[in-house]
PDB file of N, CA and C in Angstrom:
ATOM      1  N   MET A   1     -25.921   2.085   2.069  1.00  0.00           N
ATOM      2  CA  MET A   1     -24.940   1.014   2.014  1.00  0.00           C
ATOM      3  C   MET A   1     -24.276   0.867   3.380  1.00  0.00           C
ATOM      4  N   PRO A   2     -24.358  -0.301   3.980  1.00  0.00           N
ATOM      5  CA  PRO A   2     -23.821  -0.474   5.332  1.00  0.00           C
ATOM      6  C   PRO A   2     -22.302  -0.347   5.405  1.00  0.00           C
ATOM      7  N   TYR A   3     -21.634  -0.465   4.283  1.00  0.00           N
ATOM      8  CA  TYR A   3     -20.175  -0.398   4.279  1.00  0.00           C
ATOM      9  C   TYR A   3     -19.650   1.002   3.973  1.00  0.00           C
ATOM     10  N   SER A   4     -20.521   1.980   3.873  1.00  0.00           N
ATOM     11  CA  SER A   4     -20.096   3.311   3.446  1.00  0.00           C
ATOM     12  C   SER A   4     -19.037   3.913   4.365  1.00  0.00           C
ATOM     13  N   LYS A   5     -19.191   3.759   5.667  1.00  0.00           N
ATOM     14  CA  LYS A   5     -18.190   4.292   6.607  1.00  0.00           C
ATOM     15  C   LYS A   5     -16.853   3.552   6.456  1.00  0.00           C
ATOM     16  N   VAL A   6     -16.916   2.256   6.267  1.00  0.00           N
ATOM     17  CA  VAL A   6     -15.698   1.461   6.085  1.00  0.00           C
ATOM     18  C   VAL A   6     -14.996   1.895   4.806  1.00  0.00           C
ATOM     19  N   PHE A   7     -15.763   2.035   3.724  1.00  0.00           N
ATOM     20  CA  PHE A   7     -15.176   2.451   2.447  1.00  0.00           C
ATOM     21  C   PHE A   7     -14.570   3.850   2.544  1.00  0.00           C
ATOM     22  N   GLU A   8     -15.248   4.729   3.257  1.00  0.00           N
ATOM     23  CA  GLU A   8     -14.736   6.090   3.434  1.00  0.00           C
ATOM     24  C   GLU A   8     -13.393   6.067   4.165  1.00  0.00           C
ATOM     25  N   GLN A   9     -13.302   5.282   5.221  1.00  0.00           N
ATOM     26  CA  GLN A   9     -12.064   5.181   5.996  1.00  0.00           C
ATOM     27  C   GLN A   9     -10.947   4.545   5.172  1.00  0.00           C
ATOM     28  N   VAL A  10     -11.274   3.496   4.429  1.00  0.00           N
ATOM     29  CA  VAL A  10     -10.275   2.836   3.584  1.00  0.00           C
ATOM     30  C   VAL A  10      -9.771   3.807   2.529  1.00  0.00           C
ATOM     31  N   GLN A  11     -10.680   4.553   1.909  1.00  0.00           N
ATOM     32  CA  GLN A  11     -10.278   5.508   0.880  1.00  0.00           C
ATOM     33  C   GLN A  11      -9.353   6.574   1.459  1.00  0.00           C
ATOM     34  N   GLN A  12      -9.665   7.085   2.634  1.00  0.00           N
ATOM     35  CA  GLN A  12      -8.808   8.088   3.270  1.00  0.00           C
ATOM     36  C   GLN A  12      -7.413   7.525   3.534  1.00  0.00           C
ATOM     37  N   ASN A  13      -7.359   6.283   3.990  1.00  0.00           N
ATOM     38  CA  ASN A  13      -6.065   5.671   4.272  1.00  0.00           C
ATOM     39  C   ASN A  13      -5.288   5.354   2.992  1.00  0.00           C
ATOM     40  N   ILE A  14      -5.984   5.017   1.927  1.00  0.00           N
ATOM     41  CA  ILE A  14      -5.304   4.803   0.649  1.00  0.00           C
ATOM     42  C   ILE A  14      -4.725   6.128   0.149  1.00  0.00           C
ATOM     43  N   GLN A  15      -5.470   7.202   0.304  1.00  0.00           N
ATOM     44  CA  GLN A  15      -4.959   8.515  -0.095  1.00  0.00           C
ATOM     45  C   GLN A  15      -3.732   8.899   0.726  1.00  0.00           C
ATOM     46  N   LEU A  16      -3.779   8.624   2.010  1.00  0.00           N
ATOM     47  CA  LEU A  16      -2.626   8.866   2.877  1.00  0.00           C
ATOM     48  C   LEU A  16      -1.437   8.025   2.424  1.00  0.00           C
ATOM     49  N   ALA A  17      -1.692   6.764   2.132  1.00  0.00           N
ATOM     50  CA  ALA A  17      -0.631   5.865   1.684  1.00  0.00           C
ATOM     51  C   ALA A  17      -0.017   6.365   0.380  1.00  0.00           C
ATOM     52  N   TYR A  18      -0.844   6.865  -0.519  1.00  0.00           N
ATOM     53  CA  TYR A  18      -0.323   7.372  -1.793  1.00  0.00           C
ATOM     54  C   TYR A  18       0.599   8.565  -1.567  1.00  0.00           C
ATOM     55  N   ARG A  19       0.176   9.502  -0.738  1.00  0.00           N
ATOM     56  CA  ARG A  19       1.018  10.685  -0.458  1.00  0.00           C
ATOM     57  C   ARG A  19       2.326  10.269   0.196  1.00  0.00           C
ATOM     58  N   GLN A  20       2.262   9.347   1.135  1.00  0.00           N
ATOM     59  CA  GLN A  20       3.476   8.879   1.796  1.00  0.00           C
ATOM     60  C   GLN A  20       4.358   8.077   0.844  1.00  0.00           C
ATOM     61  N   ALA A  21       3.740   7.355  -0.090  1.00  0.00           N
ATOM     62  CA  ALA A  21       4.501   6.562  -1.059  1.00  0.00           C
ATOM     63  C   ALA A  21       5.333   7.457  -1.962  1.00  0.00           C
ATOM     64  N   ILE A  22       4.806   8.608  -2.336  1.00  0.00           N
ATOM     65  CA  ILE A  22       5.567   9.541  -3.166  1.00  0.00           C
ATOM     66  C   ILE A  22       6.848   9.951  -2.444  1.00  0.00           C
ATOM     67  N   ASP A  23       6.733  10.321  -1.174  1.00  0.00           N
ATOM     68  CA  ASP A  23       7.907  10.714  -0.388  1.00  0.00           C
ATOM     69  C   ASP A  23       8.868   9.545  -0.180  1.00  0.00           C
ATOM     70  N   ALA A  24       8.320   8.384   0.149  1.00  0.00           N
ATOM     71  CA  ALA A  24       9.170   7.215   0.405  1.00  0.00           C
ATOM     72  C   ALA A  24       9.904   6.786  -0.866  1.00  0.00           C
ATOM     73  N   ASP A  25       9.216   6.822  -1.998  1.00  0.00           N
ATOM     74  CA  ASP A  25       9.861   6.439  -3.256  1.00  0.00           C
ATOM     75  C   ASP A  25      10.965   7.427  -3.639  1.00  0.00           C
ATOM     76  N   ALA A  26      10.751   8.698  -3.358  1.00  0.00           N
ATOM     77  CA  ALA A  26      11.795   9.695  -3.623  1.00  0.00           C
ATOM     78  C   ALA A  26      13.023   9.401  -2.760  1.00  0.00           C
ATOM     79  N   ARG A  27      12.778   9.044  -1.514  1.00  0.00           N
ATOM     80  CA  ARG A  27      13.890   8.699  -0.611  1.00  0.00           C
ATOM     81  C   ARG A  27      14.601   7.431  -1.097  1.00  0.00           C
ATOM     82  N   LEU A  28      13.837   6.448  -1.562  1.00  0.00           N
ATOM     83  CA  LEU A  28      14.434   5.227  -2.107  1.00  0.00           C
ATOM     84  C   LEU A  28      15.269   5.530  -3.348  1.00  0.00           C
ATOM     85  N   ASP A  29      14.804   6.453  -4.185  1.00  0.00           N
ATOM     86  CA  ASP A  29      15.570   6.856  -5.365  1.00  0.00           C
ATOM     87  C   ASP A  29      16.910   7.454  -4.942  1.00  0.00           C
ATOM     88  N   SER A  30      16.893   8.293  -3.907  1.00  0.00           N
ATOM     89  CA  SER A  30      18.129   8.898  -3.404  1.00  0.00           C
ATOM     90  C   SER A  30      19.089   7.842  -2.873  1.00  0.00           C
ATOM     91  N   LEU A  31      18.552   6.893  -2.128  1.00  0.00           N
ATOM     92  CA  LEU A  31      19.392   5.827  -1.582  1.00  0.00           C
ATOM     93  C   LEU A  31      19.988   4.966  -2.693  1.00  0.00           C
ATOM     94  N   GLN A  32      19.201   4.694  -3.703  1.00  0.00           N
ATOM     95  CA  GLN A  32      19.691   3.872  -4.806  1.00  0.00           C
ATOM     96  C   GLN A  32      20.796   4.605  -5.574  1.00  0.00           C
ATOM     97  N   GLN A  33      20.634   5.896  -5.754  1.00  0.00           N
ATOM     98  CA  GLN A  33      21.668   6.678  -6.431  1.00  0.00           C
ATOM     99  C   GLN A  33      22.953   6.703  -5.623  1.00  0.00           C
ATOM    100  N   ALA A  34      22.842   6.564  -4.312  1.00  0.00           N
ATOM    101  CA  ALA A  34      24.011   6.529  -3.438  1.00  0.00           C
ATOM    102  C   ALA A  34      24.592   5.116  -3.329  1.00  0.00           C
ATOM    103  N   GLY A  35      24.017   4.181  -4.097  1.00  0.00           N
ATOM    104  CA  GLY A  35      24.529   2.814  -4.081  1.00  0.00           C
ATOM    105  C   GLY A  35      23.933   1.938  -3.003  1.00  0.00           C
ATOM    106  N   LEU A  36      22.890   2.418  -2.366  1.00  0.00           N
ATOM    107  CA  LEU A  36      22.224   1.649  -1.311  1.00  0.00           C
ATOM    108  C   LEU A  36      20.856   1.197  -1.803  1.00  0.00           C
ATOM    109  N   GLY A  37      20.144   0.487  -0.976  1.00  0.00           N
ATOM    110  CA  GLY A  37      18.782   0.074  -1.317  1.00  0.00           C
ATOM    111  C   GLY A  37      18.728  -0.912  -2.461  1.00  0.00           C
ATOM    112  N   LYS A  38      19.609  -1.880  -2.423  1.00  0.00           N
ATOM    113  CA  LYS A  38      19.641  -2.885  -3.491  1.00  0.00           C
ATOM    114  C   LYS A  38      18.808  -4.092  -3.087  1.00  0.00           C
ATOM    115  N   PHE A  39      17.546  -4.026  -3.391  1.00  0.00           N
ATOM    116  CA  PHE A  39      16.633  -5.121  -3.099  1.00  0.00           C
ATOM    117  C   PHE A  39      15.626  -5.210  -4.230  1.00  0.00           C
ATOM    118  N   LYS A  40      15.027  -6.365  -4.360  1.00  0.00           N
ATOM    119  CA  LYS A  40      14.129  -6.632  -5.487  1.00  0.00           C
ATOM    120  C   LYS A  40      12.688  -6.203  -5.204  1.00  0.00           C
ATOM    121  N   ALA A  41      12.218  -6.431  -3.993  1.00  0.00           N
ATOM    122  CA  ALA A  41      10.821  -6.125  -3.670  1.00  0.00           C
ATOM    123  C   ALA A  41      10.695  -5.708  -2.208  1.00  0.00           C
ATOM    124  N   ILE A  42       9.752  -4.839  -1.953  1.00  0.00           N
ATOM    125  CA  ILE A  42       9.501  -4.379  -0.582  1.00  0.00           C
ATOM    126  C   ILE A  42       8.754  -5.446   0.201  1.00  0.00           C
ATOM    127  N   PHE A  43       7.783  -6.085  -0.445  1.00  0.00           N
ATOM    128  CA  PHE A  43       6.992  -7.126   0.202  1.00  0.00           C
ATOM    129  C   PHE A  43       7.194  -8.446  -0.506  1.00  0.00           C
ATOM    130  N   SER A  44       7.110  -9.520   0.241  1.00  0.00           N
ATOM    131  CA  SER A  44       7.211 -10.848  -0.358  1.00  0.00           C
ATOM    132  C   SER A  44       5.831 -11.296  -0.830  1.00  0.00           C
ATOM    133  N   LYS A  45       5.810 -12.282  -1.706  1.00  0.00           N
ATOM    134  CA  LYS A  45       4.543 -12.788  -2.259  1.00  0.00           C
ATOM    135  C   LYS A  45       3.617 -13.327  -1.164  1.00  0.00           C
ATOM    136  N   ASP A  46       4.187 -13.877  -0.105  1.00  0.00           N
ATOM    137  CA  ASP A  46       3.340 -14.450   0.948  1.00  0.00           C
ATOM    138  C   ASP A  46       2.637 -13.390   1.798  1.00  0.00           C
ATOM    139  N   GLN A  47       2.918 -12.120   1.534  1.00  0.00           N
ATOM    140  CA  GLN A  47       2.226 -11.053   2.246  1.00  0.00           C
ATOM    141  C   GLN A  47       0.957 -10.611   1.511  1.00  0.00           C
ATOM    142  N   GLY A  48       0.617 -11.336   0.429  1.00  0.00           N
ATOM    143  CA  GLY A  48      -0.655 -11.117  -0.225  1.00  0.00           C
ATOM    144  C   GLY A  48      -0.648 -10.219  -1.447  1.00  0.00           C
ATOM    145  N   PHE A  49       0.484  -9.651  -1.789  1.00  0.00           N
ATOM    146  CA  PHE A  49       0.549  -8.765  -2.950  1.00  0.00           C
ATOM    147  C   PHE A  49       0.918  -9.540  -4.206  1.00  0.00           C
ATOM    148  N   SER A  50       0.321  -9.167  -5.326  1.00  0.00           N
ATOM    149  CA  SER A  50       0.743  -9.742  -6.598  1.00  0.00           C
ATOM    150  C   SER A  50       1.826  -8.875  -7.222  1.00  0.00           C
ATOM    151  N   THR A  51       1.911  -7.639  -6.788  1.00  0.00           N
ATOM    152  CA  THR A  51       2.941  -6.710  -7.245  1.00  0.00           C
ATOM    153  C   THR A  51       4.289  -7.112  -6.670  1.00  0.00           C
ATOM    154  N   GLU A  52       5.322  -6.910  -7.463  1.00  0.00           N
ATOM    155  CA  GLU A  52       6.698  -7.105  -6.996  1.00  0.00           C
ATOM    156  C   GLU A  52       7.486  -5.879  -7.433  1.00  0.00           C
ATOM    157  N   SER A  53       7.789  -5.018  -6.482  1.00  0.00           N
ATOM    158  CA  SER A  53       8.449  -3.755  -6.807  1.00  0.00           C
ATOM    159  C   SER A  53       9.370  -3.325  -5.677  1.00  0.00           C
ATOM    160  N   ASN A  54      10.366  -2.526  -6.046  1.00  0.00           N
ATOM    161  CA  ASN A  54      11.250  -1.964  -5.034  1.00  0.00           C
ATOM    162  C   ASN A  54      10.847  -0.513  -4.718  1.00  0.00           C
ATOM    163  N   ARG A  55       9.611  -0.165  -5.060  1.00  0.00           N
ATOM    164  CA  ARG A  55       9.027   1.128  -4.739  1.00  0.00           C
ATOM    165  C   ARG A  55       7.628   0.897  -4.155  1.00  0.00           C
ATOM    166  N   PHE A  56       7.127   1.892  -3.420  1.00  0.00           N
ATOM    167  CA  PHE A  56       5.842   1.754  -2.733  1.00  0.00           C
ATOM    168  C   PHE A  56       4.628   2.029  -3.614  1.00  0.00           C
ATOM    169  N   LYS A  57       4.748   2.966  -4.559  1.00  0.00           N
ATOM    170  CA  LYS A  57       3.568   3.343  -5.352  1.00  0.00           C
ATOM    171  C   LYS A  57       2.906   2.177  -6.084  1.00  0.00           C
ATOM    172  N   PRO A  58       3.642   1.226  -6.644  1.00  0.00           N
ATOM    173  CA  PRO A  58       2.955   0.097  -7.287  1.00  0.00           C
ATOM    174  C   PRO A  58       2.092  -0.723  -6.323  1.00  0.00           C
ATOM    175  N   TYR A  59       2.520  -0.829  -5.074  1.00  0.00           N
ATOM    176  CA  TYR A  59       1.719  -1.548  -4.082  1.00  0.00           C
ATOM    177  C   TYR A  59       0.440  -0.769  -3.763  1.00  0.00           C
ATOM    178  N   VAL A  60       0.560   0.550  -3.656  1.00  0.00           N
ATOM    179  CA  VAL A  60      -0.622   1.376  -3.415  1.00  0.00           C
ATOM    180  C   VAL A  60      -1.573   1.283  -4.609  1.00  0.00           C
ATOM    181  N   ALA A  61      -1.022   1.260  -5.818  1.00  0.00           N
ATOM    182  CA  ALA A  61      -1.859   1.124  -7.013  1.00  0.00           C
ATOM    183  C   ALA A  61      -2.617  -0.207  -6.996  1.00  0.00           C
ATOM    184  N   GLU A  62      -1.966  -1.270  -6.542  1.00  0.00           N
ATOM    185  CA  GLU A  62      -2.648  -2.563  -6.425  1.00  0.00           C
ATOM    186  C   GLU A  62      -3.799  -2.474  -5.426  1.00  0.00           C
ATOM    187  N   LEU A  63      -3.577  -1.767  -4.324  1.00  0.00           N
ATOM    188  CA  LEU A  63      -4.634  -1.601  -3.327  1.00  0.00           C
ATOM    189  C   LEU A  63      -5.807  -0.802  -3.889  1.00  0.00           C
ATOM    190  N   VAL A  64      -5.504   0.208  -4.695  1.00  0.00           N
ATOM    191  CA  VAL A  64      -6.568   1.011  -5.317  1.00  0.00           C
ATOM    192  C   VAL A  64      -7.417   0.129  -6.240  1.00  0.00           C
ATOM    193  N   GLU A  65      -6.765  -0.717  -7.014  1.00  0.00           N
ATOM    194  CA  GLU A  65      -7.507  -1.623  -7.901  1.00  0.00           C
ATOM    195  C   GLU A  65      -8.406  -2.566  -7.104  1.00  0.00           C
ATOM    196  N   LEU A  66      -7.869  -3.125  -6.040  1.00  0.00           N
ATOM    197  CA  LEU A  66      -8.653  -4.030  -5.203  1.00  0.00           C
ATOM    198  C   LEU A  66      -9.821  -3.284  -4.557  1.00  0.00           C
ATOM    199  N   TYR A  67      -9.558  -2.098  -4.080  1.00  0.00           N
ATOM    200  CA  TYR A  67     -10.603  -1.264  -3.466  1.00  0.00           C
ATOM    201  C   TYR A  67     -11.728  -0.993  -4.464  1.00  0.00           C
ATOM    202  N   ASP A  68     -11.352  -0.610  -5.677  1.00  0.00           N
ATOM    203  CA  ASP A  68     -12.360  -0.332  -6.703  1.00  0.00           C
ATOM    204  C   ASP A  68     -13.187  -1.568  -7.030  1.00  0.00           C
ATOM    205  N   ASP A  69     -12.531  -2.729  -7.100  1.00  0.00           N
ATOM    206  CA  ASP A  69     -13.250  -3.980  -7.378  1.00  0.00           C
ATOM    207  C   ASP A  69     -14.233  -4.325  -6.266  1.00  0.00           C
ATOM    208  N   ILE A  70     -13.805  -4.153  -5.035  1.00  0.00           N
ATOM    209  CA  ILE A  70     -14.665  -4.472  -3.895  1.00  0.00           C
ATOM    210  C   ILE A  70     -15.843  -3.503  -3.823  1.00  0.00           C
ATOM    211  N   LYS A  71     -15.562  -2.236  -4.031  1.00  0.00           N
ATOM    212  CA  LYS A  71     -16.587  -1.205  -3.852  1.00  0.00           C
ATOM    213  C   LYS A  71     -17.697  -1.284  -4.897  1.00  0.00           C
ATOM    214  N   LYS A  72     -17.390  -1.770  -6.093  1.00  0.00           N
ATOM    215  CA  LYS A  72     -18.415  -1.783  -7.144  1.00  0.00           C
ATOM    216  C   LYS A  72     -19.461  -2.884  -6.951  1.00  0.00           C
ATOM    217  N   ASP A  73     -19.179  -3.856  -6.103  1.00  0.00           N
ATOM    218  CA  ASP A  73     -20.150  -4.920  -5.839  1.00  0.00           C
ATOM    219  C   ASP A  73     -21.245  -4.419  -4.891  1.00  0.00           C
ATOM    220  N   ALA A  74     -22.483  -4.824  -5.171  1.00  0.00           N
ATOM    221  CA  ALA A  74     -23.605  -4.437  -4.313  1.00  0.00           C
ATOM    222  C   ALA A  74     -23.419  -4.980  -2.899  1.00  0.00           C
ATOM    223  N   GLU A  75     -22.934  -6.203  -2.801  1.00  0.00           N
ATOM    224  CA  GLU A  75     -22.640  -6.826  -1.503  1.00  0.00           C
ATOM    225  C   GLU A  75     -21.151  -7.177  -1.505  1.00  0.00           C
ATOM    226  N   PRO A  76     -20.328  -6.323  -0.887  1.00  0.00           N
ATOM    227  CA  PRO A  76     -18.872  -6.531  -0.921  1.00  0.00           C
ATOM    228  C   PRO A  76     -18.444  -7.852  -0.283  1.00  0.00           C
ATOM    229  N   ASP A  77     -17.400  -8.426  -0.831  1.00  0.00           N
ATOM    230  CA  ASP A  77     -16.799  -9.644  -0.297  1.00  0.00           C
ATOM    231  C   ASP A  77     -16.023  -9.260   0.967  1.00  0.00           C
ATOM    232  N   THR A  78     -16.525  -9.691   2.117  1.00  0.00           N
ATOM    233  CA  THR A  78     -15.910  -9.288   3.381  1.00  0.00           C
ATOM    234  C   THR A  78     -14.488  -9.833   3.536  1.00  0.00           C
ATOM    235  N   GLU A  79     -14.211 -10.998   2.963  1.00  0.00           N
ATOM    236  CA  GLU A  79     -12.853 -11.548   3.047  1.00  0.00           C
ATOM    237  C   GLU A  79     -11.876 -10.688   2.244  1.00  0.00           C
ATOM    238  N   LEU A  80     -12.294 -10.263   1.055  1.00  0.00           N
ATOM    239  CA  LEU A  80     -11.443  -9.377   0.255  1.00  0.00           C
ATOM    240  C   LEU A  80     -11.240  -8.044   0.959  1.00  0.00           C
ATOM    241  N   LEU A  81     -12.293  -7.558   1.595  1.00  0.00           N
ATOM    242  CA  LEU A  81     -12.194  -6.297   2.327  1.00  0.00           C
ATOM    243  C   LEU A  81     -11.216  -6.434   3.495  1.00  0.00           C
ATOM    244  N   LYS A  82     -11.269  -7.549   4.204  1.00  0.00           N
ATOM    245  CA  LYS A  82     -10.320  -7.801   5.297  1.00  0.00           C
ATOM    246  C   LYS A  82      -8.893  -7.867   4.768  1.00  0.00           C
ATOM    247  N   ASP A  83      -8.707  -8.531   3.625  1.00  0.00           N
ATOM    248  CA  ASP A  83      -7.380  -8.613   3.018  1.00  0.00           C
ATOM    249  C   ASP A  83      -6.873  -7.229   2.631  1.00  0.00           C
ATOM    250  N   LEU A  84      -7.755  -6.416   2.048  1.00  0.00           N
ATOM    251  CA  LEU A  84      -7.382  -5.060   1.658  1.00  0.00           C
ATOM    252  C   LEU A  84      -6.935  -4.251   2.863  1.00  0.00           C
ATOM    253  N   VAL A  85      -7.703  -4.315   3.936  1.00  0.00           N
ATOM    254  CA  VAL A  85      -7.371  -3.549   5.141  1.00  0.00           C
ATOM    255  C   VAL A  85      -6.041  -4.041   5.726  1.00  0.00           C
ATOM    256  N   ALA A  86      -5.820  -5.340   5.726  1.00  0.00           N
ATOM    257  CA  ALA A  86      -4.561  -5.885   6.241  1.00  0.00           C
ATOM    258  C   ALA A  86      -3.375  -5.440   5.388  1.00  0.00           C
ATOM    259  N   GLN A  87      -3.531  -5.501   4.072  1.00  0.00           N
ATOM    260  CA  GLN A  87      -2.445  -5.086   3.181  1.00  0.00           C
ATOM    261  C   GLN A  87      -2.193  -3.584   3.292  1.00  0.00           C
ATOM    262  N   LEU A  88      -3.238  -2.806   3.416  1.00  0.00           N
ATOM    263  CA  LEU A  88      -3.091  -1.367   3.590  1.00  0.00           C
ATOM    264  C   LEU A  88      -2.334  -1.071   4.878  1.00  0.00           C
ATOM    265  N   GLY A  89      -2.657  -1.809   5.926  1.00  0.00           N
ATOM    266  CA  GLY A  89      -1.930  -1.661   7.186  1.00  0.00           C
ATOM    267  C   GLY A  89      -0.454  -1.993   7.034  1.00  0.00           C
ATOM    268  N   LEU A  90      -0.151  -3.044   6.279  1.00  0.00           N
ATOM    269  CA  LEU A  90       1.253  -3.412   6.033  1.00  0.00           C
ATOM    270  C   LEU A  90       2.000  -2.306   5.305  1.00  0.00           C
ATOM    271  N   VAL A  91       1.372  -1.750   4.276  1.00  0.00           N
ATOM    272  CA  VAL A  91       2.007  -0.687   3.501  1.00  0.00           C
ATOM    273  C   VAL A  91       2.272   0.531   4.387  1.00  0.00           C
ATOM    274  N   LEU A  92       1.261   0.954   5.133  1.00  0.00           N
ATOM    275  CA  LEU A  92       1.428   2.128   6.002  1.00  0.00           C
ATOM    276  C   LEU A  92       2.481   1.884   7.078  1.00  0.00           C
ATOM    277  N   GLN A  93       2.475   0.695   7.659  1.00  0.00           N
ATOM    278  CA  GLN A  93       3.450   0.364   8.692  1.00  0.00           C
ATOM    279  C   GLN A  93       4.870   0.345   8.115  1.00  0.00           C
ATOM    280  N   MET A  94       5.034  -0.260   6.952  1.00  0.00           N
ATOM    281  CA  MET A  94       6.357  -0.339   6.344  1.00  0.00           C
ATOM    282  C   MET A  94       6.881   1.050   5.985  1.00  0.00           C
ATOM    283  N   MET A  95       6.014   1.898   5.471  1.00  0.00           N
ATOM    284  CA  MET A  95       6.447   3.256   5.134  1.00  0.00           C
ATOM    285  C   MET A  95       6.818   4.042   6.385  1.00  0.00           C
ATOM    286  N   GLN A  96       6.088   3.836   7.463  1.00  0.00           N
ATOM    287  CA  GLN A  96       6.411   4.518   8.722  1.00  0.00           C
ATOM    288  C   GLN A  96       7.770   4.056   9.246  1.00  0.00           C
ATOM    289  N   GLU A  97       8.004   2.761   9.220  1.00  0.00           N
ATOM    290  CA  GLU A  97       9.296   2.228   9.661  1.00  0.00           C
ATOM    291  C   GLU A  97      10.428   2.733   8.775  1.00  0.00           C
ATOM    292  N   PHE A  98      10.201   2.744   7.473  1.00  0.00           N
ATOM    293  CA  PHE A  98      11.206   3.243   6.543  1.00  0.00           C
ATOM    294  C   PHE A  98      11.519   4.711   6.811  1.00  0.00           C
ATOM    295  N   LYS A  99      10.480   5.489   7.047  1.00  0.00           N
ATOM    296  CA  LYS A  99      10.666   6.923   7.326  1.00  0.00           C
ATOM    297  C   LYS A  99      11.513   7.129   8.583  1.00  0.00           C
ATOM    298  N   GLN A 100      11.228   6.348   9.624  1.00  0.00           N
ATOM    299  CA  GLN A 100      11.978   6.487  10.869  1.00  0.00           C
ATOM    300  C   GLN A 100      13.432   6.041  10.714  1.00  0.00           C
ATOM    301  N   LYS A 101      13.652   4.990   9.969  1.00  0.00           N
ATOM    302  CA  LYS A 101      15.011   4.449   9.831  1.00  0.00           C
ATOM    303  C   LYS A 101      15.861   5.192   8.825  1.00  0.00           C
ATOM    304  N   SER A 102      15.225   5.963   7.953  1.00  0.00           N
ATOM    305  CA  SER A 102      16.003   6.650   6.920  1.00  0.00           C
ATOM    306  C   SER A 102      16.232   8.117   7.231  1.00  0.00           C
ATOM    307  N   LYS A 103      15.993   8.515   8.451  1.00  0.00           N
ATOM    308  CA  LYS A 103      16.236   9.910   8.846  1.00  0.00           C
ATOM    309  C   LYS A 103      17.706  10.206   8.933  1.00  0.00           C
TER     310      LYS A 103
END
């Protein structure tokens, strides 16, 4: 499969995103308990997500579903794959920024 290296890299980054999402969501829980972090969603609809959540794990779960859908096709949809990689980049970037700003 010509996409095997791409899928391997995407899977590794999704796993990284999941681990980071657990930490980021715990930090968001702490902020919310302190009366901070009052927002409805991390990402807006125009950023390509159908999920609307004030935590990161639901966005990562959406990426996992998309990844699984793309990977099961014999000939993956390259546009969907590009969208997945872009959204994964957004999630990782947002979590990194959140981590730096919430120290």
